[in-house]
Amino acid sequence: MTEQTSPPPRPRADGWAFLREAVRDLRTTGAVAPSSRALAHALAAPVRARAPHPIDVLEAGAGTGAVTRVLLPQLPRGARLDVVEANPRFADRLRDLVAAQSATRVTVHQAYVEELATDRRYDVIVSGLPLTNFTPAQVDRIMARYLELLHPGGTLTWFAYLGTRRARAMFATRAELHRHAAVDRAMAAHLRGGRTECRTVLANLPPARVWQLHPNN
């Protein structure tokens, strides 16, 4: 990978980029602001827990790299990181970020994670995808792909915003309420396939709940 001298995108610029891309397409951008550093650290916890062993990590829905920036310095020696981002403008920014940090064992893929072509299996999968924006069928495909890509004994971690259920009840259409309920049922079915952990991160806009799934093998 060619080393570049330009600095990685700044967090403030990332916020404006998120807002622009959210207006363009909520399928590839499910938030109006990047994840906070506190949320990024919570999502990266399974990586820290496996140090110092070399591991394979997948980050899906990386956006402008708020979580990637936290993951890179925490990767154990010999670890590999695949970053998947469907938005082409965000993918370009992620490649600049990786190049600026000379992260040679990191690869950025512009793709939907359910279409990622790889034979690799991962010890940790960090998901930044806005699952509540998707249809139940899309959620099933994404979760099935995550579980297919996860090593036995691996950990899947993701987040969901707090307070969205109440907001949906106040403002969503009947069709949207039915879709969200179906997504909740789809996620619950997948969570029954393993042990889960959950923690709340208040230092984020909006506050979020971080989940970890340890599938039964």
N, C-alpha and C. Protein backbone atom coordinates (compact mmCIF):
# COMPACT_ATOMS: atom_id res chain seq x y z
N MET A 1 0.85 -1.19 0.00
CA MET A 1 0.00 0.00 0.00
C MET A 1 0.88 1.24 0.00
N THR A 2 0.60 2.24 -0.84
CA THR A 2 1.42 3.44 -0.94
C THR A 2 1.18 4.34 0.25
N GLU A 3 2.26 4.76 0.88
CA GLU A 3 2.15 5.63 2.05
C GLU A 3 1.81 7.04 1.61
N GLN A 4 0.89 7.70 2.31
CA GLN A 4 0.50 9.06 2.01
C GLN A 4 0.84 9.94 3.19
N THR A 5 1.13 11.21 2.91
CA THR A 5 1.51 12.14 3.97
C THR A 5 0.33 12.97 4.45
N SER A 6 -0.79 12.96 3.72
CA SER A 6 -1.94 13.75 4.13
C SER A 6 -2.57 13.13 5.37
N PRO A 7 -3.07 13.98 6.31
CA PRO A 7 -3.66 13.46 7.54
C PRO A 7 -5.00 12.81 7.27
N PRO A 8 -5.45 11.93 8.15
CA PRO A 8 -6.77 11.32 8.00
C PRO A 8 -7.86 12.37 8.17
N PRO A 9 -9.08 12.11 7.67
CA PRO A 9 -10.17 13.07 7.81
C PRO A 9 -10.42 13.41 9.26
N ARG A 10 -10.71 14.68 9.53
CA ARG A 10 -10.94 15.13 10.90
C ARG A 10 -12.34 14.76 11.35
N PRO A 11 -12.53 14.49 12.66
CA PRO A 11 -13.85 14.14 13.16
C PRO A 11 -14.92 15.18 12.85
N ARG A 12 -14.59 16.49 12.91
CA ARG A 12 -15.61 17.50 12.64
C ARG A 12 -16.07 17.41 11.20
N ALA A 13 -15.11 17.24 10.28
CA ALA A 13 -15.48 17.06 8.89
C ALA A 13 -16.31 15.81 8.70
N ASP A 14 -16.03 14.78 9.46
CA ASP A 14 -16.80 13.54 9.39
C ASP A 14 -18.26 13.79 9.71
N GLY A 15 -18.53 14.67 10.68
CA GLY A 15 -19.91 14.94 11.05
C GLY A 15 -20.71 15.53 9.91
N TRP A 16 -20.11 16.46 9.18
CA TRP A 16 -20.79 17.03 8.02
C TRP A 16 -20.96 15.98 6.93
N ALA A 17 -19.95 15.13 6.75
CA ALA A 17 -20.05 14.08 5.74
C ALA A 17 -21.20 13.13 6.06
N PHE A 18 -21.33 12.78 7.34
CA PHE A 18 -22.43 11.90 7.74
C PHE A 18 -23.78 12.53 7.42
N LEU A 19 -23.93 13.81 7.74
CA LEU A 19 -25.20 14.48 7.51
C LEU A 19 -25.53 14.50 6.02
N ARG A 20 -24.55 14.81 5.18
CA ARG A 20 -24.79 14.82 3.73
C ARG A 20 -25.19 13.45 3.23
N GLU A 21 -24.48 12.41 3.67
CA GLU A 21 -24.75 11.07 3.17
C GLU A 21 -26.06 10.50 3.72
N ALA A 22 -26.45 10.91 4.92
CA ALA A 22 -27.74 10.47 5.45
C ALA A 22 -28.88 11.00 4.60
N VAL A 23 -28.73 12.23 4.11
CA VAL A 23 -29.74 12.79 3.22
C VAL A 23 -29.79 12.04 1.90
N ARG A 24 -28.61 11.59 1.43
CA ARG A 24 -28.55 10.85 0.16
C ARG A 24 -29.21 9.49 0.26
N ASP A 25 -28.86 8.73 1.31
CA ASP A 25 -29.26 7.31 1.33
C ASP A 25 -29.15 6.76 2.74
N LEU A 26 -30.30 6.45 3.37
CA LEU A 26 -30.28 5.87 4.71
C LEU A 26 -29.92 4.40 4.71
N ARG A 27 -29.87 3.75 3.53
CA ARG A 27 -29.45 2.34 3.47
C ARG A 27 -27.96 2.22 3.78
N THR A 28 -27.17 3.19 3.29
CA THR A 28 -25.73 3.13 3.52
C THR A 28 -25.28 4.04 4.66
N THR A 29 -26.15 4.95 5.12
CA THR A 29 -25.81 5.85 6.21
C THR A 29 -27.01 5.93 7.14
N GLY A 30 -26.94 5.28 8.27
CA GLY A 30 -28.10 5.18 9.14
C GLY A 30 -28.09 6.14 10.30
N ALA A 31 -27.19 7.12 10.31
CA ALA A 31 -27.12 8.08 11.40
C ALA A 31 -26.84 9.46 10.82
N VAL A 32 -27.05 10.48 11.64
CA VAL A 32 -26.74 11.84 11.20
C VAL A 32 -25.44 12.33 11.82
N ALA A 33 -24.78 11.50 12.62
CA ALA A 33 -23.50 11.86 13.23
C ALA A 33 -22.68 10.59 13.43
N PRO A 34 -21.34 10.71 13.33
CA PRO A 34 -20.49 9.54 13.57
C PRO A 34 -20.58 9.07 15.02
N SER A 35 -20.18 7.83 15.25
CA SER A 35 -20.14 7.30 16.61
C SER A 35 -19.16 8.10 17.45
N SER A 36 -19.50 8.32 18.72
CA SER A 36 -18.59 9.00 19.63
C SER A 36 -17.41 8.09 19.96
N ARG A 37 -16.39 8.69 20.57
CA ARG A 37 -15.23 7.88 20.97
C ARG A 37 -15.63 6.87 22.04
N ALA A 38 -16.54 7.27 22.93
CA ALA A 38 -16.99 6.34 23.98
C ALA A 38 -17.70 5.13 23.37
N LEU A 39 -18.55 5.38 22.36
CA LEU A 39 -19.25 4.27 21.71
C LEU A 39 -18.26 3.41 20.94
N ALA A 40 -17.29 4.04 20.27
CA ALA A 40 -16.28 3.29 19.53
C ALA A 40 -15.48 2.38 20.46
N HIS A 41 -15.12 2.88 21.64
CA HIS A 41 -14.36 2.07 22.60
C HIS A 41 -15.19 0.89 23.09
N ALA A 42 -16.49 1.10 23.29
CA ALA A 42 -17.36 0.01 23.73
C ALA A 42 -17.46 -1.06 22.65
N LEU A 43 -17.55 -0.64 21.39
CA LEU A 43 -17.63 -1.60 20.29
C LEU A 43 -16.32 -2.37 20.11
N ALA A 44 -15.20 -1.73 20.44
CA ALA A 44 -13.89 -2.36 20.28
C ALA A 44 -13.50 -3.25 21.45
N ALA A 45 -14.33 -3.31 22.48
CA ALA A 45 -13.98 -4.08 23.68
C ALA A 45 -13.63 -5.54 23.40
N PRO A 46 -14.35 -6.25 22.50
CA PRO A 46 -13.96 -7.65 22.25
C PRO A 46 -12.58 -7.80 21.64
N VAL A 47 -12.11 -6.77 20.91
CA VAL A 47 -10.75 -6.81 20.36
C VAL A 47 -9.74 -6.69 21.49
N ARG A 48 -9.95 -5.75 22.39
CA ARG A 48 -9.04 -5.59 23.53
C ARG A 48 -9.01 -6.86 24.39
N ALA A 49 -10.16 -7.50 24.52
CA ALA A 49 -10.24 -8.68 25.38
C ALA A 49 -9.40 -9.84 24.86
N ARG A 50 -9.09 -9.84 23.56
CA ARG A 50 -8.34 -10.96 22.97
C ARG A 50 -6.84 -10.66 22.85
N ALA A 51 -6.41 -9.47 23.23
CA ALA A 51 -4.99 -9.16 23.21
C ALA A 51 -4.25 -10.07 24.19
N PRO A 52 -3.02 -10.43 23.87
CA PRO A 52 -2.19 -10.02 22.73
C PRO A 52 -2.22 -10.99 21.55
N HIS A 53 -3.21 -11.85 21.49
CA HIS A 53 -3.23 -12.88 20.45
C HIS A 53 -3.57 -12.27 19.09
N PRO A 54 -2.88 -12.67 18.03
CA PRO A 54 -3.22 -12.17 16.69
C PRO A 54 -4.60 -12.69 16.28
N ILE A 55 -5.45 -11.80 15.81
CA ILE A 55 -6.82 -12.17 15.48
C ILE A 55 -7.21 -11.55 14.14
N ASP A 56 -8.29 -12.07 13.59
CA ASP A 56 -8.89 -11.50 12.39
C ASP A 56 -10.15 -10.75 12.81
N VAL A 57 -10.26 -9.49 12.35
CA VAL A 57 -11.37 -8.62 12.74
C VAL A 57 -12.06 -8.11 11.48
N LEU A 58 -13.38 -8.06 11.53
CA LEU A 58 -14.18 -7.47 10.45
C LEU A 58 -14.97 -6.31 11.03
N GLU A 59 -14.89 -5.15 10.37
CA GLU A 59 -15.74 -4.02 10.72
C GLU A 59 -16.67 -3.76 9.55
N ALA A 60 -17.97 -3.82 9.78
CA ALA A 60 -18.96 -3.62 8.72
C ALA A 60 -19.71 -2.32 8.96
N GLY A 61 -19.92 -1.56 7.88
CA GLY A 61 -20.60 -0.28 8.02
C GLY A 61 -19.75 0.73 8.75
N ALA A 62 -18.52 0.91 8.27
CA ALA A 62 -17.53 1.71 9.00
C ALA A 62 -17.74 3.21 8.87
N GLY A 63 -18.56 3.66 7.91
CA GLY A 63 -18.81 5.09 7.78
C GLY A 63 -17.55 5.87 7.48
N THR A 64 -17.33 6.96 8.21
CA THR A 64 -16.14 7.78 8.00
C THR A 64 -14.96 7.33 8.86
N GLY A 65 -15.13 6.27 9.65
CA GLY A 65 -13.99 5.70 10.35
C GLY A 65 -13.89 6.03 11.82
N ALA A 66 -14.99 6.47 12.46
CA ALA A 66 -14.93 6.79 13.89
C ALA A 66 -14.52 5.58 14.71
N VAL A 67 -15.06 4.41 14.38
CA VAL A 67 -14.69 3.20 15.10
C VAL A 67 -13.36 2.65 14.59
N THR A 68 -13.12 2.78 13.30
CA THR A 68 -11.86 2.30 12.71
C THR A 68 -10.67 2.97 13.39
N ARG A 69 -10.76 4.27 13.66
CA ARG A 69 -9.66 5.00 14.32
C ARG A 69 -9.34 4.41 15.68
N VAL A 70 -10.36 3.95 16.38
CA VAL A 70 -10.15 3.34 17.70
C VAL A 70 -9.63 1.92 17.56
N LEU A 71 -10.11 1.20 16.57
CA LEU A 71 -9.68 -0.18 16.38
C LEU A 71 -8.21 -0.29 16.00
N LEU A 72 -7.75 0.57 15.10
CA LEU A 72 -6.40 0.41 14.53
C LEU A 72 -5.31 0.31 15.60
N PRO A 73 -5.22 1.23 16.57
CA PRO A 73 -4.14 1.12 17.55
C PRO A 73 -4.34 -0.01 18.56
N GLN A 74 -5.53 -0.60 18.61
CA GLN A 74 -5.80 -1.66 19.57
C GLN A 74 -5.62 -3.06 18.98
N LEU A 75 -5.37 -3.15 17.68
CA LEU A 75 -5.18 -4.46 17.07
C LEU A 75 -3.90 -5.10 17.60
N PRO A 76 -3.97 -6.32 18.08
CA PRO A 76 -2.75 -6.99 18.53
C PRO A 76 -1.77 -7.18 17.37
N ARG A 77 -0.50 -7.35 17.70
CA ARG A 77 0.52 -7.59 16.68
C ARG A 77 0.14 -8.83 15.86
N GLY A 78 0.19 -8.71 14.55
CA GLY A 78 -0.15 -9.81 13.67
C GLY A 78 -1.62 -9.90 13.32
N ALA A 79 -2.46 -9.04 13.90
CA ALA A 79 -3.89 -9.07 13.62
C ALA A 79 -4.17 -8.51 12.22
N ARG A 80 -5.29 -8.91 11.67
CA ARG A 80 -5.74 -8.39 10.37
C ARG A 80 -7.13 -7.81 10.53
N LEU A 81 -7.37 -6.72 9.81
CA LEU A 81 -8.66 -6.03 9.87
C LEU A 81 -9.19 -5.84 8.46
N ASP A 82 -10.39 -6.33 8.21
CA ASP A 82 -11.12 -6.04 6.98
C ASP A 82 -12.21 -5.04 7.31
N VAL A 83 -12.24 -3.95 6.57
CA VAL A 83 -13.22 -2.89 6.77
C VAL A 83 -14.16 -2.89 5.57
N VAL A 84 -15.46 -3.00 5.82
CA VAL A 84 -16.46 -3.08 4.76
C VAL A 84 -17.36 -1.85 4.84
N GLU A 85 -17.48 -1.15 3.72
CA GLU A 85 -18.31 0.05 3.66
C GLU A 85 -18.92 0.16 2.27
N ALA A 86 -20.25 0.23 2.20
CA ALA A 86 -20.94 0.25 0.91
C ALA A 86 -20.92 1.61 0.24
N ASN A 87 -20.88 2.68 1.04
CA ASN A 87 -20.90 4.04 0.49
C ASN A 87 -19.56 4.34 -0.17
N PRO A 88 -19.52 4.63 -1.47
CA PRO A 88 -18.22 4.81 -2.15
C PRO A 88 -17.43 6.00 -1.63
N ARG A 89 -18.12 7.08 -1.23
CA ARG A 89 -17.39 8.25 -0.71
C ARG A 89 -16.78 7.95 0.64
N PHE A 90 -17.51 7.25 1.49
CA PHE A 90 -16.94 6.84 2.77
C PHE A 90 -15.80 5.85 2.58
N ALA A 91 -15.94 4.92 1.63
CA ALA A 91 -14.88 3.94 1.39
C ALA A 91 -13.57 4.64 0.99
N ASP A 92 -13.67 5.67 0.17
CA ASP A 92 -12.47 6.43 -0.21
C ASP A 92 -11.83 7.08 1.00
N ARG A 93 -12.63 7.66 1.89
CA ARG A 93 -12.10 8.29 3.10
C ARG A 93 -11.42 7.25 3.99
N LEU A 94 -12.00 6.07 4.07
CA LEU A 94 -11.41 5.01 4.88
C LEU A 94 -10.07 4.56 4.32
N ARG A 95 -9.96 4.48 3.01
CA ARG A 95 -8.67 4.12 2.41
C ARG A 95 -7.62 5.18 2.72
N ASP A 96 -8.00 6.46 2.71
CA ASP A 96 -7.07 7.53 3.08
C ASP A 96 -6.65 7.38 4.55
N LEU A 97 -7.61 7.07 5.40
CA LEU A 97 -7.31 6.89 6.82
C LEU A 97 -6.32 5.76 7.05
N VAL A 98 -6.56 4.63 6.40
CA VAL A 98 -5.68 3.46 6.55
C VAL A 98 -4.29 3.76 6.01
N ALA A 99 -4.24 4.42 4.85
CA ALA A 99 -2.94 4.73 4.26
C ALA A 99 -2.16 5.71 5.12
N ALA A 100 -2.84 6.70 5.69
CA ALA A 100 -2.16 7.69 6.52
C ALA A 100 -1.56 7.08 7.77
N GLN A 101 -2.14 6.01 8.24
CA GLN A 101 -1.62 5.33 9.44
C GLN A 101 -0.73 4.14 9.10
N SER A 102 -0.44 3.97 7.79
CA SER A 102 0.44 2.89 7.33
C SER A 102 0.00 1.53 7.86
N ALA A 103 -1.31 1.33 7.85
CA ALA A 103 -1.87 0.08 8.37
C ALA A 103 -1.90 -0.96 7.25
N THR A 104 -0.79 -1.66 7.08
CA THR A 104 -0.63 -2.55 5.93
C THR A 104 -1.44 -3.83 6.04
N ARG A 105 -1.88 -4.20 7.24
CA ARG A 105 -2.67 -5.42 7.40
C ARG A 105 -4.16 -5.11 7.48
N VAL A 106 -4.53 -3.98 6.91
CA VAL A 106 -5.93 -3.55 6.88
C VAL A 106 -6.35 -3.40 5.43
N THR A 107 -7.53 -3.94 5.09
CA THR A 107 -8.06 -3.85 3.74
C THR A 107 -9.45 -3.24 3.80
N VAL A 108 -9.71 -2.26 2.94
CA VAL A 108 -11.02 -1.63 2.85
C VAL A 108 -11.75 -2.21 1.64
N HIS A 109 -12.96 -2.70 1.87
CA HIS A 109 -13.78 -3.27 0.80
C HIS A 109 -15.00 -2.38 0.61
N GLN A 110 -15.24 -1.92 -0.61
CA GLN A 110 -16.49 -1.22 -0.89
C GLN A 110 -17.52 -2.26 -1.32
N ALA A 111 -18.41 -2.61 -0.39
CA ALA A 111 -19.38 -3.68 -0.64
C ALA A 111 -20.41 -3.69 0.46
N TYR A 112 -21.54 -4.33 0.19
CA TYR A 112 -22.47 -4.69 1.26
C TYR A 112 -21.91 -5.95 1.93
N VAL A 113 -22.00 -6.00 3.24
CA VAL A 113 -21.36 -7.11 3.95
C VAL A 113 -21.97 -8.44 3.56
N GLU A 114 -23.27 -8.47 3.25
CA GLU A 114 -23.87 -9.74 2.87
C GLU A 114 -23.40 -10.22 1.50
N GLU A 115 -22.70 -9.32 0.75
CA GLU A 115 -22.16 -9.69 -0.56
C GLU A 115 -20.63 -9.76 -0.54
N LEU A 116 -20.02 -9.65 0.63
CA LEU A 116 -18.56 -9.68 0.73
C LEU A 116 -18.03 -11.04 0.30
N ALA A 117 -17.12 -11.02 -0.66
CA ALA A 117 -16.52 -12.26 -1.17
C ALA A 117 -15.22 -12.51 -0.41
N THR A 118 -15.23 -13.46 0.50
CA THR A 118 -14.04 -13.80 1.26
C THR A 118 -14.17 -15.22 1.79
N ASP A 119 -13.02 -15.88 1.94
CA ASP A 119 -12.96 -17.19 2.59
C ASP A 119 -12.50 -17.07 4.04
N ARG A 120 -12.20 -15.85 4.46
CA ARG A 120 -11.69 -15.62 5.81
C ARG A 120 -12.81 -15.73 6.83
N ARG A 121 -12.46 -16.19 8.04
CA ARG A 121 -13.38 -16.20 9.16
C ARG A 121 -12.79 -15.30 10.24
N TYR A 122 -13.65 -14.71 11.05
CA TYR A 122 -13.22 -13.63 11.95
C TYR A 122 -13.47 -13.98 13.41
N ASP A 123 -12.53 -13.55 14.25
CA ASP A 123 -12.67 -13.72 15.69
C ASP A 123 -13.61 -12.69 16.29
N VAL A 124 -13.60 -11.49 15.71
CA VAL A 124 -14.47 -10.40 16.17
C VAL A 124 -15.08 -9.73 14.95
N ILE A 125 -16.39 -9.51 14.97
CA ILE A 125 -17.08 -8.72 13.96
C ILE A 125 -17.71 -7.53 14.65
N VAL A 126 -17.36 -6.33 14.19
CA VAL A 126 -17.90 -5.08 14.73
C VAL A 126 -18.86 -4.51 13.69
N SER A 127 -20.13 -4.41 14.04
CA SER A 127 -21.13 -3.94 13.08
C SER A 127 -21.57 -2.52 13.42
N GLY A 128 -21.45 -1.65 12.43
CA GLY A 128 -21.98 -0.29 12.55
C GLY A 128 -23.19 -0.08 11.67
N LEU A 129 -23.78 -1.17 11.18
CA LEU A 129 -24.90 -1.05 10.25
C LEU A 129 -26.18 -0.65 10.98
N PRO A 130 -27.00 0.20 10.36
CA PRO A 130 -28.25 0.66 10.97
C PRO A 130 -29.36 -0.36 10.78
N LEU A 131 -29.34 -1.44 11.53
CA LEU A 131 -30.24 -2.56 11.28
C LEU A 131 -31.71 -2.16 11.36
N THR A 132 -32.05 -1.18 12.20
CA THR A 132 -33.45 -0.78 12.32
C THR A 132 -33.95 -0.06 11.07
N ASN A 133 -33.04 0.33 10.17
CA ASN A 133 -33.46 0.96 8.91
C ASN A 133 -33.81 -0.05 7.83
N PHE A 134 -33.50 -1.34 8.07
CA PHE A 134 -33.62 -2.35 7.03
C PHE A 134 -34.96 -3.09 7.14
N THR A 135 -35.23 -3.87 6.12
CA THR A 135 -36.38 -4.77 6.16
C THR A 135 -36.02 -6.01 6.97
N PRO A 136 -37.00 -6.73 7.48
CA PRO A 136 -36.69 -7.97 8.20
C PRO A 136 -35.87 -8.95 7.36
N ALA A 137 -36.17 -9.03 6.06
CA ALA A 137 -35.42 -9.95 5.19
C ALA A 137 -33.96 -9.53 5.10
N GLN A 138 -33.70 -8.22 5.01
CA GLN A 138 -32.32 -7.74 4.96
C GLN A 138 -31.60 -8.04 6.28
N VAL A 139 -32.29 -7.83 7.40
CA VAL A 139 -31.69 -8.12 8.70
C VAL A 139 -31.33 -9.60 8.80
N ASP A 140 -32.22 -10.47 8.33
CA ASP A 140 -31.93 -11.90 8.35
C ASP A 140 -30.70 -12.24 7.51
N ARG A 141 -30.60 -11.63 6.33
CA ARG A 141 -29.44 -11.91 5.47
C ARG A 141 -28.15 -11.41 6.10
N ILE A 142 -28.19 -10.22 6.68
CA ILE A 142 -26.99 -9.65 7.29
C ILE A 142 -26.55 -10.48 8.49
N MET A 143 -27.50 -10.80 9.37
CA MET A 143 -27.14 -11.58 10.56
C MET A 143 -26.66 -12.97 10.18
N ALA A 144 -27.31 -13.57 9.19
CA ALA A 144 -26.86 -14.89 8.74
C ALA A 144 -25.44 -14.84 8.20
N ARG A 145 -25.13 -13.77 7.47
CA ARG A 145 -23.77 -13.61 6.94
C ARG A 145 -22.77 -13.40 8.06
N TYR A 146 -23.12 -12.58 9.06
CA TYR A 146 -22.24 -12.40 10.20
C TYR A 146 -21.92 -13.74 10.85
N LEU A 147 -22.94 -14.53 11.11
CA LEU A 147 -22.72 -15.80 11.80
C LEU A 147 -21.93 -16.78 10.94
N GLU A 148 -22.10 -16.67 9.62
CA GLU A 148 -21.31 -17.50 8.71
C GLU A 148 -19.84 -17.11 8.73
N LEU A 149 -19.57 -15.81 8.87
CA LEU A 149 -18.20 -15.31 8.83
C LEU A 149 -17.48 -15.41 10.17
N LEU A 150 -18.20 -15.70 11.23
CA LEU A 150 -17.62 -15.70 12.57
C LEU A 150 -16.98 -17.05 12.88
N HIS A 151 -15.75 -16.99 13.42
CA HIS A 151 -15.08 -18.20 13.92
C HIS A 151 -15.87 -18.79 15.08
N PRO A 152 -15.84 -20.11 15.28
CA PRO A 152 -16.37 -20.68 16.52
C PRO A 152 -15.68 -20.01 17.72
N GLY A 153 -16.48 -19.60 18.68
CA GLY A 153 -15.94 -18.89 19.83
C GLY A 153 -15.76 -17.41 19.60
N GLY A 154 -16.17 -16.91 18.43
CA GLY A 154 -16.01 -15.50 18.11
C GLY A 154 -17.11 -14.64 18.73
N THR A 155 -16.96 -13.33 18.55
CA THR A 155 -17.88 -12.36 19.14
C THR A 155 -18.37 -11.40 18.06
N LEU A 156 -19.67 -11.20 18.02
CA LEU A 156 -20.30 -10.17 17.18
C LEU A 156 -20.76 -9.05 18.09
N THR A 157 -20.39 -7.81 17.76
CA THR A 157 -20.82 -6.67 18.55
C THR A 157 -21.45 -5.62 17.65
N TRP A 158 -22.49 -4.97 18.14
CA TRP A 158 -23.20 -3.93 17.38
C TRP A 158 -23.89 -3.01 18.37
N PHE A 159 -24.53 -1.96 17.85
CA PHE A 159 -25.21 -1.02 18.74
C PHE A 159 -26.58 -0.66 18.19
N ALA A 160 -27.43 -0.16 19.08
CA ALA A 160 -28.73 0.37 18.71
C ALA A 160 -28.97 1.62 19.55
N TYR A 161 -29.59 2.62 18.95
CA TYR A 161 -29.83 3.86 19.67
C TYR A 161 -30.93 3.70 20.71
N LEU A 162 -30.76 4.39 21.84
CA LEU A 162 -31.78 4.40 22.88
C LEU A 162 -32.88 5.40 22.53
N GLY A 163 -34.09 5.11 22.93
CA GLY A 163 -35.20 6.06 22.76
C GLY A 163 -35.89 6.00 21.42
N THR A 164 -35.38 5.17 20.50
CA THR A 164 -35.98 5.15 19.17
C THR A 164 -37.36 4.49 19.19
N ARG A 165 -37.58 3.55 20.09
CA ARG A 165 -38.89 2.88 20.14
C ARG A 165 -39.99 3.90 20.49
N ARG A 166 -39.71 4.76 21.46
CA ARG A 166 -40.71 5.76 21.84
C ARG A 166 -40.94 6.76 20.71
N ALA A 167 -39.85 7.17 20.04
CA ALA A 167 -40.00 8.11 18.93
C ALA A 167 -40.80 7.49 17.79
N ARG A 168 -40.57 6.20 17.53
CA ARG A 168 -41.32 5.53 16.47
C ARG A 168 -42.81 5.49 16.80
N ALA A 169 -43.10 5.22 18.06
CA ALA A 169 -44.51 5.14 18.45
C ALA A 169 -45.22 6.47 18.26
N MET A 170 -44.48 7.57 18.38
CA MET A 170 -45.09 8.90 18.26
C MET A 170 -45.22 9.36 16.82
N PHE A 171 -44.24 9.00 15.96
CA PHE A 171 -44.18 9.64 14.65
C PHE A 171 -44.26 8.68 13.46
N ALA A 172 -44.02 7.39 13.66
CA ALA A 172 -43.95 6.48 12.53
C ALA A 172 -45.33 6.15 11.97
N THR A 173 -45.36 5.82 10.69
CA THR A 173 -46.59 5.35 10.08
C THR A 173 -46.89 3.93 10.54
N ARG A 174 -48.10 3.47 10.28
CA ARG A 174 -48.47 2.12 10.67
C ARG A 174 -47.56 1.09 9.99
N ALA A 175 -47.25 1.34 8.70
CA ALA A 175 -46.37 0.42 7.97
C ALA A 175 -44.99 0.37 8.59
N GLU A 176 -44.47 1.54 9.01
CA GLU A 176 -43.15 1.58 9.64
C GLU A 176 -43.16 0.85 10.99
N LEU A 177 -44.23 1.02 11.74
CA LEU A 177 -44.33 0.33 13.02
C LEU A 177 -44.33 -1.18 12.83
N HIS A 178 -45.04 -1.65 11.81
CA HIS A 178 -45.05 -3.09 11.52
C HIS A 178 -43.66 -3.56 11.11
N ARG A 179 -42.95 -2.75 10.29
CA ARG A 179 -41.60 -3.14 9.84
C ARG A 179 -40.66 -3.23 11.04
N HIS A 180 -40.69 -2.22 11.91
CA HIS A 180 -39.81 -2.22 13.07
C HIS A 180 -40.10 -3.40 13.99
N ALA A 181 -41.38 -3.72 14.17
CA ALA A 181 -41.73 -4.86 15.02
C ALA A 181 -41.20 -6.16 14.41
N ALA A 182 -41.29 -6.28 13.08
CA ALA A 182 -40.78 -7.48 12.42
C ALA A 182 -39.26 -7.55 12.52
N VAL A 183 -38.57 -6.41 12.44
CA VAL A 183 -37.11 -6.38 12.62
C VAL A 183 -36.75 -6.81 14.04
N ASP A 184 -37.50 -6.32 15.03
CA ASP A 184 -37.25 -6.71 16.42
C ASP A 184 -37.40 -8.23 16.59
N ARG A 185 -38.40 -8.81 15.96
CA ARG A 185 -38.60 -10.26 16.06
C ARG A 185 -37.46 -11.02 15.38
N ALA A 186 -37.00 -10.50 14.23
CA ALA A 186 -35.90 -11.15 13.52
C ALA A 186 -34.63 -11.13 14.37
N MET A 187 -34.34 -9.98 15.00
CA MET A 187 -33.16 -9.89 15.85
C MET A 187 -33.29 -10.80 17.07
N ALA A 188 -34.47 -10.85 17.66
CA ALA A 188 -34.67 -11.70 18.84
C ALA A 188 -34.42 -13.16 18.49
N ALA A 189 -34.83 -13.58 17.31
CA ALA A 189 -34.61 -14.97 16.89
C ALA A 189 -33.13 -15.28 16.80
N HIS A 190 -32.34 -14.34 16.28
CA HIS A 190 -30.90 -14.57 16.18
C HIS A 190 -30.23 -14.54 17.55
N LEU A 191 -30.72 -13.70 18.45
CA LEU A 191 -30.12 -13.61 19.77
C LEU A 191 -30.34 -14.87 20.59
N ARG A 192 -31.39 -15.62 20.28
CA ARG A 192 -31.62 -16.86 21.00
C ARG A 192 -30.58 -17.92 20.67
N GLY A 193 -29.76 -17.67 19.66
CA GLY A 193 -28.75 -18.64 19.25
C GLY A 193 -27.43 -18.50 19.98
N GLY A 194 -27.40 -17.76 21.08
CA GLY A 194 -26.14 -17.61 21.81
C GLY A 194 -26.31 -16.81 23.08
N ARG A 195 -25.19 -16.54 23.71
CA ARG A 195 -25.17 -15.74 24.94
C ARG A 195 -24.96 -14.28 24.58
N THR A 196 -25.71 -13.38 25.21
CA THR A 196 -25.61 -11.96 24.90
C THR A 196 -25.16 -11.16 26.11
N GLU A 197 -24.49 -10.06 25.84
CA GLU A 197 -24.14 -9.07 26.85
C GLU A 197 -24.55 -7.70 26.31
N CYS A 198 -24.86 -6.78 27.22
CA CYS A 198 -25.33 -5.47 26.80
C CYS A 198 -24.83 -4.40 27.77
N ARG A 199 -24.46 -3.25 27.24
CA ARG A 199 -24.10 -2.11 28.08
C ARG A 199 -24.61 -0.83 27.43
N THR A 200 -24.85 0.19 28.23
CA THR A 200 -25.36 1.46 27.74
C THR A 200 -24.25 2.49 27.67
N VAL A 201 -24.20 3.22 26.56
CA VAL A 201 -23.24 4.30 26.37
C VAL A 201 -24.03 5.61 26.26
N LEU A 202 -23.97 6.41 27.31
CA LEU A 202 -24.70 7.68 27.31
C LEU A 202 -23.97 8.77 26.55
N ALA A 203 -22.62 8.66 26.49
CA ALA A 203 -21.81 9.69 25.83
C ALA A 203 -21.80 9.49 24.33
N ASN A 204 -22.96 9.57 23.72
CA ASN A 204 -23.10 9.46 22.26
C ASN A 204 -24.35 10.23 21.87
N LEU A 205 -24.42 10.65 20.61
CA LEU A 205 -25.58 11.38 20.11
C LEU A 205 -26.26 10.58 19.01
N PRO A 206 -27.43 9.98 19.32
CA PRO A 206 -28.05 9.85 20.65
C PRO A 206 -27.38 8.74 21.45
N PRO A 207 -27.71 8.64 22.75
CA PRO A 207 -27.17 7.53 23.55
C PRO A 207 -27.49 6.19 22.91
N ALA A 208 -26.65 5.21 23.19
CA ALA A 208 -26.77 3.92 22.49
C ALA A 208 -26.59 2.76 23.46
N ARG A 209 -27.07 1.62 23.03
CA ARG A 209 -26.87 0.37 23.75
C ARG A 209 -25.99 -0.54 22.90
N VAL A 210 -24.91 -1.03 23.47
CA VAL A 210 -23.96 -1.88 22.76
C VAL A 210 -24.20 -3.33 23.16
N TRP A 211 -24.35 -4.17 22.14
CA TRP A 211 -24.62 -5.59 22.34
C TRP A 211 -23.42 -6.43 21.91
N GLN A 212 -23.24 -7.54 22.61
CA GLN A 212 -22.30 -8.58 22.17
C GLN A 212 -23.04 -9.90 22.11
N LEU A 213 -22.81 -10.63 21.01
CA LEU A 213 -23.39 -11.96 20.87
C LEU A 213 -22.25 -12.97 20.76
N HIS A 214 -22.31 -14.00 21.61
CA HIS A 214 -21.37 -15.10 21.59
C HIS A 214 -22.17 -16.33 21.15
N PRO A 215 -22.18 -16.66 19.87
CA PRO A 215 -23.06 -17.72 19.39
C PRO A 215 -22.71 -19.07 19.99
N ASN A 216 -23.73 -19.91 20.13
CA ASN A 216 -23.50 -21.30 20.51
C ASN A 216 -22.87 -22.03 19.35
N ASN A 217 -21.87 -22.85 19.62
CA ASN A 217 -21.16 -23.59 18.55
C ASN A 217 -21.35 -25.09 18.74
